Amino acid sequence: MTAGPVARLIWAAFIAAVLALMVLPLLLVVIFSFNEAALTSFPLTGFTLDWYAKLFANPSFWPALANSLIVGVTVAVASVAISLPAALGLARMQWGRPQAVLDCLSAPMMLPSLIIGVALLSFFVRVIAMPLGLATVILGQLVVIVPFVIAILHARLSTFDWSLVESARDLGASGFGAFVTVTLPIIRPTLVGGALIALALSLDDFVITFFTIGSGNTLPTLVWGLVRTALDPTINAIATLLLAVSIGSTILALRLIDYRR
């Protein structure tokens, strides 16, 4: 039974409404970051880059940017380093059910970030007495981000032609040599894509960072601090920069990991 014109029209209107609800607030943030007036309201009064200049002149912005980059790059590299052997092991698993293991590893992705943040704060402060800082932020983000990267790498490795590796071994290559010369070149785009997704998730993270950073700021916590004190238009500028980096890295990552296949 095919849907009638009215049903298709209702379905199209529903999809359009959902997309508008998702995209319109982001679009407004970008538009108001270039609006000349300080008030985020229509009509627009003119185009300006003053809010970006004011943001770059803010002494709190550069330390927050540096912290975000340190955390983001470290989490991206560490996520790939941790996830690659895990995904390789799952892909070559000869016993049990890899999907069951993946389901267990995915538990942090399904838990509310608030619960994870509180649990990590209690663990760092009360259990191991570790001072809060960028190190705890990195460890906390890895808890949530590593399962994403494992899932990405496992999806690629589950269809990998292992006969290529076996052929390299038959020709005299060691296990490590076969990995470096055969496996790694083939999965390199997926590794880079997983790292970029980890970077995007790290840069966007607020809840876990808020609970585990102690003193100092990353860009999301800086935005939170500015929102609490005043509706400063530089907030729109920060949000636009974060949005551009996140969307750009995600699009590049999806192209690298050949997501559409």
C-alpha atoms as a PDB file:
ATOM      1  CA  MET A   1       0.000   0.000   0.000  1.00  0.00           C
ATOM      2  CA  THR A   2       1.453   3.350  -1.072  1.00  0.00           C
ATOM      3  CA  ALA A   3       0.959   6.542   0.884  1.00  0.00           C
ATOM      4  CA  GLY A   4      -1.415   9.074  -0.606  1.00  0.00           C
ATOM      5  CA  PRO A   5      -0.512  12.680  -1.492  1.00  0.00           C
ATOM      6  CA  VAL A   6      -1.839  13.979   1.832  1.00  0.00           C
ATOM      7  CA  ALA A   7       0.206  11.473   3.839  1.00  0.00           C
ATOM      8  CA  ARG A   8       3.339  12.335   1.875  1.00  0.00           C
ATOM      9  CA  LEU A   9       2.700  16.034   2.391  1.00  0.00           C
ATOM     10  CA  ILE A  10       2.272  15.565   6.149  1.00  0.00           C
ATOM     11  CA  TRP A  11       5.428  13.468   6.327  1.00  0.00           C
ATOM     12  CA  ALA A  12       7.399  16.059   4.330  1.00  0.00           C
ATOM     13  CA  ALA A  13       6.108  18.860   6.572  1.00  0.00           C
ATOM     14  CA  PHE A  14       7.122  16.895   9.681  1.00  0.00           C
ATOM     15  CA  ILE A  15      10.644  16.302   8.332  1.00  0.00           C
ATOM     16  CA  ALA A  16      10.948  19.976   7.383  1.00  0.00           C
ATOM     17  CA  ALA A  17       9.852  21.035  10.877  1.00  0.00           C
ATOM     18  CA  VAL A  18      12.377  18.724  12.537  1.00  0.00           C
ATOM     19  CA  LEU A  19      15.195  19.963  10.303  1.00  0.00           C
ATOM     20  CA  ALA A  20      14.213  23.571  10.947  1.00  0.00           C
ATOM     21  CA  LEU A  21      14.204  22.961  14.689  1.00  0.00           C
ATOM     22  CA  MET A  22      17.697  21.470  14.463  1.00  0.00           C
ATOM     23  CA  VAL A  23      19.305  23.866  11.998  1.00  0.00           C
ATOM     24  CA  LEU A  24      17.598  27.219  12.606  1.00  0.00           C
ATOM     25  CA  PRO A  25      19.075  27.896  16.090  1.00  0.00           C
ATOM     26  CA  LEU A  26      22.570  27.160  14.759  1.00  0.00           C
ATOM     27  CA  LEU A  27      21.981  29.392  11.764  1.00  0.00           C
ATOM     28  CA  LEU A  28      20.809  32.236  14.016  1.00  0.00           C
ATOM     29  CA  VAL A  29      23.969  31.950  16.129  1.00  0.00           C
ATOM     30  CA  VAL A  30      26.099  32.348  12.998  1.00  0.00           C
ATOM     31  CA  ILE A  31      24.018  35.277  11.689  1.00  0.00           C
ATOM     32  CA  PHE A  32      24.060  37.203  14.969  1.00  0.00           C
ATOM     33  CA  SER A  33      27.821  36.735  15.316  1.00  0.00           C
ATOM     34  CA  PHE A  34      28.131  39.108  12.323  1.00  0.00           C
ATOM     35  CA  ASN A  35      25.324  41.483  13.342  1.00  0.00           C
ATOM     36  CA  GLU A  36      26.375  45.028  14.151  1.00  0.00           C
ATOM     37  CA  ALA A  37      23.915  45.470  17.019  1.00  0.00           C
ATOM     38  CA  ALA A  38      24.664  44.025  20.439  1.00  0.00           C
ATOM     39  CA  LEU A  39      21.102  42.767  20.820  1.00  0.00           C
ATOM     40  CA  THR A  40      20.381  39.378  19.293  1.00  0.00           C
ATOM     41  CA  SER A  41      17.141  40.381  17.655  1.00  0.00           C
ATOM     42  CA  PHE A  42      15.726  41.272  14.270  1.00  0.00           C
ATOM     43  CA  PRO A  43      15.957  43.343  12.168  1.00  0.00           C
ATOM     44  CA  LEU A  44      19.682  43.071  11.538  1.00  0.00           C
ATOM     45  CA  THR A  45      21.478  46.414  11.644  1.00  0.00           C
ATOM     46  CA  GLY A  46      24.538  45.637   9.532  1.00  0.00           C
ATOM     47  CA  PHE A  47      27.515  43.399   8.953  1.00  0.00           C
ATOM     48  CA  THR A  48      30.526  43.574  11.268  1.00  0.00           C
ATOM     49  CA  LEU A  49      33.522  41.575  12.450  1.00  0.00           C
ATOM     50  CA  ASP A  50      33.808  43.602  15.660  1.00  0.00           C
ATOM     51  CA  TRP A  51      32.572  40.756  17.875  1.00  0.00           C
ATOM     52  CA  TYR A  52      35.333  38.481  16.567  1.00  0.00           C
ATOM     53  CA  ALA A  53      37.897  41.251  17.168  1.00  0.00           C
ATOM     54  CA  LYS A  54      36.531  41.711  20.690  1.00  0.00           C
ATOM     55  CA  LEU A  55      36.688  37.959  21.251  1.00  0.00           C
ATOM     56  CA  PHE A  56      40.320  37.764  20.128  1.00  0.00           C
ATOM     57  CA  ALA A  57      41.128  40.703  22.425  1.00  0.00           C
ATOM     58  CA  ASN A  58      39.596  38.888  25.406  1.00  0.00           C
ATOM     59  CA  PRO A  59      42.496  37.620  27.565  1.00  0.00           C
ATOM     60  CA  SER A  60      40.405  34.628  28.672  1.00  0.00           C
ATOM     61  CA  PHE A  61      39.889  33.380  25.118  1.00  0.00           C
ATOM     62  CA  TRP A  62      43.423  32.304  24.235  1.00  0.00           C
ATOM     63  CA  PRO A  63      44.079  30.157  27.340  1.00  0.00           C
ATOM     64  CA  ALA A  64      40.684  28.483  26.822  1.00  0.00           C
ATOM     65  CA  LEU A  65      41.504  27.877  23.148  1.00  0.00           C
ATOM     66  CA  ALA A  66      44.900  26.443  24.061  1.00  0.00           C
ATOM     67  CA  ASN A  67      43.323  24.137  26.654  1.00  0.00           C
ATOM     68  CA  SER A  68      40.696  22.974  24.152  1.00  0.00           C
ATOM     69  CA  LEU A  69      43.347  22.203  21.546  1.00  0.00           C
ATOM     70  CA  ILE A  70      45.579  20.394  24.048  1.00  0.00           C
ATOM     71  CA  VAL A  71      42.689  18.278  25.289  1.00  0.00           C
ATOM     72  CA  GLY A  72      41.211  17.718  21.822  1.00  0.00           C
ATOM     73  CA  VAL A  73      44.442  16.660  20.097  1.00  0.00           C
ATOM     74  CA  THR A  74      45.473  14.446  23.020  1.00  0.00           C
ATOM     75  CA  VAL A  75      42.060  12.773  23.139  1.00  0.00           C
ATOM     76  CA  ALA A  76      42.092  12.247  19.357  1.00  0.00           C
ATOM     77  CA  VAL A  77      45.527  10.599  19.363  1.00  0.00           C
ATOM     78  CA  ALA A  78      44.904   8.576  22.527  1.00  0.00           C
ATOM     79  CA  SER A  79      41.489   7.414  21.299  1.00  0.00           C
ATOM     80  CA  VAL A  80      42.986   5.965  18.127  1.00  0.00           C
ATOM     81  CA  ALA A  81      45.912   4.418  20.031  1.00  0.00           C
ATOM     82  CA  ILE A  82      43.537   2.707  22.469  1.00  0.00           C
ATOM     83  CA  SER A  83      40.813   1.808  19.978  1.00  0.00           C
ATOM     84  CA  LEU A  84      42.982   0.305  17.232  1.00  0.00           C
ATOM     85  CA  PRO A  85      44.212  -2.770  19.172  1.00  0.00           C
ATOM     86  CA  ALA A  86      40.728  -3.219  20.659  1.00  0.00           C
ATOM     87  CA  ALA A  87      39.094  -3.109  17.212  1.00  0.00           C
ATOM     88  CA  LEU A  88      41.733  -5.452  15.785  1.00  0.00           C
ATOM     89  CA  GLY A  89      41.104  -7.920  18.582  1.00  0.00           C
ATOM     90  CA  LEU A  90      37.343  -7.780  18.086  1.00  0.00           C
ATOM     91  CA  ALA A  91      37.655  -8.179  14.317  1.00  0.00           C
ATOM     92  CA  ARG A  92      39.865 -11.262  14.678  1.00  0.00           C
ATOM     93  CA  MET A  93      37.899 -12.733  17.565  1.00  0.00           C
ATOM     94  CA  GLN A  94      37.449 -16.463  17.028  1.00  0.00           C
ATOM     95  CA  TRP A  95      35.307 -17.104  20.085  1.00  0.00           C
ATOM     96  CA  GLY A  96      32.217 -15.585  21.652  1.00  0.00           C
ATOM     97  CA  ARG A  97      30.275 -12.766  20.102  1.00  0.00           C
ATOM     98  CA  PRO A  98      32.118  -9.518  19.256  1.00  0.00           C
ATOM     99  CA  GLN A  99      28.782  -7.682  19.212  1.00  0.00           C
ATOM    100  CA  ALA A 100      28.221  -8.506  22.881  1.00  0.00           C
ATOM    101  CA  VAL A 101      31.632  -7.039  23.715  1.00  0.00           C
ATOM    102  CA  LEU A 102      30.842  -3.954  21.633  1.00  0.00           C
ATOM    103  CA  ASP A 103      27.550  -3.528  23.476  1.00  0.00           C
ATOM    104  CA  CYS A 104      29.388  -3.558  26.809  1.00  0.00           C
ATOM    105  CA  LEU A 105      31.990  -1.088  25.552  1.00  0.00           C
ATOM    106  CA  SER A 106      29.210   1.198  24.300  1.00  0.00           C
ATOM    107  CA  ALA A 107      27.683   1.591  27.765  1.00  0.00           C
ATOM    108  CA  PRO A 108      29.300   5.031  28.379  1.00  0.00           C
ATOM    109  CA  MET A 109      27.695   6.337  25.173  1.00  0.00           C
ATOM    110  CA  MET A 110      24.240   5.397  26.458  1.00  0.00           C
ATOM    111  CA  LEU A 111      24.607   6.848  29.963  1.00  0.00           C
ATOM    112  CA  PRO A 112      23.734  10.509  30.622  1.00  0.00           C
ATOM    113  CA  SER A 113      26.803  12.739  30.572  1.00  0.00           C
ATOM    114  CA  LEU A 114      25.736  14.216  33.901  1.00  0.00           C
ATOM    115  CA  ILE A 115      25.945  10.819  35.600  1.00  0.00           C
ATOM    116  CA  ILE A 116      29.350  10.126  34.053  1.00  0.00           C
ATOM    117  CA  GLY A 117      30.619  13.559  35.076  1.00  0.00           C
ATOM    118  CA  VAL A 118      29.577  13.144  38.705  1.00  0.00           C
ATOM    119  CA  ALA A 119      31.005   9.614  38.810  1.00  0.00           C
ATOM    120  CA  LEU A 120      34.328  10.755  37.365  1.00  0.00           C
ATOM    121  CA  LEU A 121      34.528  13.664  39.797  1.00  0.00           C
ATOM    122  CA  SER A 122      33.972  11.344  42.746  1.00  0.00           C
ATOM    123  CA  PHE A 123      36.492   8.837  41.379  1.00  0.00           C
ATOM    124  CA  PHE A 124      39.238  11.381  40.772  1.00  0.00           C
ATOM    125  CA  VAL A 125      38.765  13.310  44.015  1.00  0.00           C
ATOM    126  CA  ARG A 126      37.717  10.676  46.555  1.00  0.00           C
ATOM    127  CA  VAL A 127      39.126   7.384  45.243  1.00  0.00           C
ATOM    128  CA  ILE A 128      42.509   8.158  43.688  1.00  0.00           C
ATOM    129  CA  ALA A 129      42.961  11.725  45.053  1.00  0.00           C
ATOM    130  CA  MET A 130      44.030  13.018  41.633  1.00  0.00           C
ATOM    131  CA  PRO A 131      44.136  16.817  41.284  1.00  0.00           C
ATOM    132  CA  LEU A 132      41.603  18.129  38.801  1.00  0.00           C
ATOM    133  CA  GLY A 133      43.038  19.632  35.634  1.00  0.00           C
ATOM    134  CA  LEU A 134      43.561  18.958  31.960  1.00  0.00           C
ATOM    135  CA  ALA A 135      44.755  15.414  32.694  1.00  0.00           C
ATOM    136  CA  THR A 136      41.463  14.516  34.379  1.00  0.00           C
ATOM    137  CA  VAL A 137      39.531  16.157  31.541  1.00  0.00           C
ATOM    138  CA  ILE A 138      41.408  14.016  29.021  1.00  0.00           C
ATOM    139  CA  LEU A 139      40.844  10.822  31.005  1.00  0.00           C
ATOM    140  CA  GLY A 140      37.167  11.661  31.503  1.00  0.00           C
ATOM    141  CA  GLN A 141      36.562  12.371  27.820  1.00  0.00           C
ATOM    142  CA  LEU A 142      38.338   9.172  26.800  1.00  0.00           C
ATOM    143  CA  VAL A 143      35.775   7.179  28.784  1.00  0.00           C
ATOM    144  CA  VAL A 144      33.033   8.399  26.452  1.00  0.00           C
ATOM    145  CA  ILE A 145      34.882   8.972  23.180  1.00  0.00           C
ATOM    146  CA  VAL A 146      36.891   5.737  22.919  1.00  0.00           C
ATOM    147  CA  PRO A 147      33.735   3.602  22.381  1.00  0.00           C
ATOM    148  CA  PHE A 148      32.812   5.795  19.392  1.00  0.00           C
ATOM    149  CA  VAL A 149      36.222   5.279  17.806  1.00  0.00           C
ATOM    150  CA  ILE A 150      36.203   1.536  18.519  1.00  0.00           C
ATOM    151  CA  ALA A 151      32.839   1.229  16.772  1.00  0.00           C
ATOM    152  CA  ILE A 152      34.151   3.141  13.734  1.00  0.00           C
ATOM    153  CA  LEU A 153      37.340   1.095  13.447  1.00  0.00           C
ATOM    154  CA  HIS A 154      35.542  -2.196  14.052  1.00  0.00           C
ATOM    155  CA  ALA A 155      33.049  -1.428  11.284  1.00  0.00           C
ATOM    156  CA  ARG A 156      35.960  -1.063   8.864  1.00  0.00           C
ATOM    157  CA  LEU A 157      37.972  -4.026  10.126  1.00  0.00           C
ATOM    158  CA  SER A 158      34.968  -6.359  10.141  1.00  0.00           C
ATOM    159  CA  THR A 159      35.048  -6.318   6.316  1.00  0.00           C
ATOM    160  CA  PHE A 160      38.838  -6.339   6.033  1.00  0.00           C
ATOM    161  CA  ASP A 161      40.387  -8.956   3.726  1.00  0.00           C
ATOM    162  CA  TRP A 162      42.706 -10.761   6.128  1.00  0.00           C
ATOM    163  CA  SER A 163      44.070 -12.931   3.322  1.00  0.00           C
ATOM    164  CA  LEU A 164      46.245  -9.965   2.378  1.00  0.00           C
ATOM    165  CA  VAL A 165      47.923 -10.099   5.777  1.00  0.00           C
ATOM    166  CA  GLU A 166      48.326 -13.861   5.524  1.00  0.00           C
ATOM    167  CA  SER A 167      49.949 -13.472   2.112  1.00  0.00           C
ATOM    168  CA  ALA A 168      52.425 -10.977   3.528  1.00  0.00           C
ATOM    169  CA  ARG A 169      53.242 -13.390   6.336  1.00  0.00           C
ATOM    170  CA  ASP A 170      53.751 -16.217   3.831  1.00  0.00           C
ATOM    171  CA  LEU A 171      56.242 -14.004   1.987  1.00  0.00           C
ATOM    172  CA  GLY A 172      58.311 -13.630   5.134  1.00  0.00           C
ATOM    173  CA  ALA A 173      56.917 -10.502   6.795  1.00  0.00           C
ATOM    174  CA  SER A 174      56.669 -10.451  10.551  1.00  0.00           C
ATOM    175  CA  GLY A 175      53.371  -9.780  12.271  1.00  0.00           C
ATOM    176  CA  PHE A 176      54.343  -6.150  12.895  1.00  0.00           C
ATOM    177  CA  GLY A 177      55.780  -5.814   9.392  1.00  0.00           C
ATOM    178  CA  ALA A 178      52.552  -7.103   7.833  1.00  0.00           C
ATOM    179  CA  PHE A 179      50.565  -4.658   9.954  1.00  0.00           C
ATOM    180  CA  VAL A 180      52.718  -1.681   8.919  1.00  0.00           C
ATOM    181  CA  THR A 181      52.947  -2.541   5.220  1.00  0.00           C
ATOM    182  CA  VAL A 182      49.490  -4.031   4.593  1.00  0.00           C
ATOM    183  CA  THR A 183      46.896  -3.334   7.300  1.00  0.00           C
ATOM    184  CA  LEU A 184      47.865   0.204   8.269  1.00  0.00           C
ATOM    185  CA  PRO A 185      47.914   1.729   4.750  1.00  0.00           C
ATOM    186  CA  ILE A 186      44.465   0.276   4.018  1.00  0.00           C
ATOM    187  CA  ILE A 187      42.808   1.477   7.226  1.00  0.00           C
ATOM    188  CA  ARG A 188      44.708   4.794   7.497  1.00  0.00           C
ATOM    189  CA  PRO A 189      41.764   6.911   6.219  1.00  0.00           C
ATOM    190  CA  THR A 190      39.521   5.300   8.843  1.00  0.00           C
ATOM    191  CA  LEU A 191      42.098   6.014  11.560  1.00  0.00           C
ATOM    192  CA  VAL A 192      42.286   9.662  10.543  1.00  0.00           C
ATOM    193  CA  GLY A 193      38.496   9.861  10.334  1.00  0.00           C
ATOM    194  CA  GLY A 194      38.124   8.337  13.803  1.00  0.00           C
ATOM    195  CA  ALA A 195      40.659  10.813  15.183  1.00  0.00           C
ATOM    196  CA  LEU A 196      38.782  13.751  13.631  1.00  0.00           C
ATOM    197  CA  ILE A 197      35.470  12.547  15.092  1.00  0.00           C
ATOM    198  CA  ALA A 198      37.159  12.211  18.485  1.00  0.00           C
ATOM    199  CA  LEU A 199      38.501  15.762  18.098  1.00  0.00           C
ATOM    200  CA  ALA A 200      35.049  17.117  17.252  1.00  0.00           C
ATOM    201  CA  LEU A 201      33.455  15.346  20.220  1.00  0.00           C
ATOM    202  CA  SER A 202      36.190  16.606  22.540  1.00  0.00           C
ATOM    203  CA  LEU A 203      35.905  20.214  21.418  1.00  0.00           C
ATOM    204  CA  ASP A 204      32.120  20.147  21.925  1.00  0.00           C
ATOM    205  CA  ASP A 205      32.155  18.453  25.323  1.00  0.00           C
ATOM    206  CA  PHE A 206      30.920  20.580  28.210  1.00  0.00           C
ATOM    207  CA  VAL A 207      29.420  18.378  30.927  1.00  0.00           C
ATOM    208  CA  ILE A 208      32.365  16.049  31.559  1.00  0.00           C
ATOM    209  CA  THR A 209      34.812  18.936  31.190  1.00  0.00           C
ATOM    210  CA  PHE A 210      32.841  21.046  33.652  1.00  0.00           C
ATOM    211  CA  PHE A 211      33.017  18.346  36.327  1.00  0.00           C
ATOM    212  CA  THR A 212      36.658  17.349  35.801  1.00  0.00           C
ATOM    213  CA  ILE A 213      38.598  20.501  34.905  1.00  0.00           C
ATOM    214  CA  GLY A 214      38.852  22.137  38.323  1.00  0.00           C
ATOM    215  CA  SER A 215      40.310  25.588  37.551  1.00  0.00           C
ATOM    216  CA  GLY A 216      40.802  26.973  34.072  1.00  0.00           C
ATOM    217  CA  ASN A 217      38.556  26.863  31.025  1.00  0.00           C
ATOM    218  CA  THR A 218      38.063  25.241  27.672  1.00  0.00           C
ATOM    219  CA  LEU A 219      35.997  26.989  25.026  1.00  0.00           C
ATOM    220  CA  PRO A 220      32.676  25.342  26.058  1.00  0.00           C
ATOM    221  CA  THR A 221      33.182  26.215  29.742  1.00  0.00           C
ATOM    222  CA  LEU A 222      34.237  29.743  28.760  1.00  0.00           C
ATOM    223  CA  VAL A 223      30.958  30.116  26.860  1.00  0.00           C
ATOM    224  CA  TRP A 224      29.105  28.880  29.940  1.00  0.00           C
ATOM    225  CA  GLY A 225      30.841  31.487  32.101  1.00  0.00           C
ATOM    226  CA  LEU A 226      30.032  34.298  29.661  1.00  0.00           C
ATOM    227  CA  VAL A 227      26.380  33.241  29.413  1.00  0.00           C
ATOM    228  CA  ARG A 228      26.035  33.326  33.199  1.00  0.00           C
ATOM    229  CA  THR A 229      27.289  36.923  33.477  1.00  0.00           C
ATOM    230  CA  ALA A 230      25.820  38.644  30.414  1.00  0.00           C
ATOM    231  CA  LEU A 231      24.453  38.088  26.928  1.00  0.00           C
ATOM    232  CA  ASP A 232      27.698  39.120  25.265  1.00  0.00           C
ATOM    233  CA  PRO A 233      27.595  38.847  21.448  1.00  0.00           C
ATOM    234  CA  THR A 234      31.125  37.394  21.524  1.00  0.00           C
ATOM    235  CA  ILE A 235      29.406  34.212  22.696  1.00  0.00           C
ATOM    236  CA  ASN A 236      27.942  33.899  19.206  1.00  0.00           C
ATOM    237  CA  ALA A 237      31.431  34.333  17.757  1.00  0.00           C
ATOM    238  CA  ILE A 238      32.859  31.532  19.943  1.00  0.00           C
ATOM    239  CA  ALA A 239      29.910  29.290  19.111  1.00  0.00           C
ATOM    240  CA  THR A 240      30.371  29.946  15.392  1.00  0.00           C
ATOM    241  CA  LEU A 241      34.061  29.037  15.555  1.00  0.00           C
ATOM    242  CA  LEU A 242      33.291  25.834  17.455  1.00  0.00           C
ATOM    243  CA  LEU A 243      30.518  25.017  15.011  1.00  0.00           C
ATOM    244  CA  ALA A 244      32.793  25.523  12.020  1.00  0.00           C
ATOM    245  CA  VAL A 245      35.550  23.326  13.448  1.00  0.00           C
ATOM    246  CA  SER A 246      33.136  20.600  14.564  1.00  0.00           C
ATOM    247  CA  ILE A 247      31.168  20.439  11.315  1.00  0.00           C
ATOM    248  CA  GLY A 248      34.299  20.718   9.189  1.00  0.00           C
ATOM    249  CA  SER A 249      36.154  17.953  11.005  1.00  0.00           C
ATOM    250  CA  THR A 250      33.072  15.720  11.028  1.00  0.00           C
ATOM    251  CA  ILE A 251      32.452  16.141   7.285  1.00  0.00           C
ATOM    252  CA  LEU A 252      36.110  15.426   6.559  1.00  0.00           C
ATOM    253  CA  ALA A 253      36.018  12.406   8.859  1.00  0.00           C
ATOM    254  CA  LEU A 254      32.918  10.975   7.186  1.00  0.00           C
ATOM    255  CA  ARG A 255      34.523  11.364   3.782  1.00  0.00           C
ATOM    256  CA  LEU A 256      37.701   9.668   4.962  1.00  0.00           C
ATOM    257  CA  ILE A 257      35.922   6.690   6.516  1.00  0.00           C
ATOM    258  CA  ASP A 258      33.699   6.370   3.440  1.00  0.00           C
ATOM    259  CA  TYR A 259      30.578   6.641   5.574  1.00  0.00           C
ATOM    260  CA  ARG A 260      28.103   6.334   2.718  1.00  0.00           C
ATOM    261  CA  ARG A 261      29.279   2.839   1.891  1.00  0.00           C
END
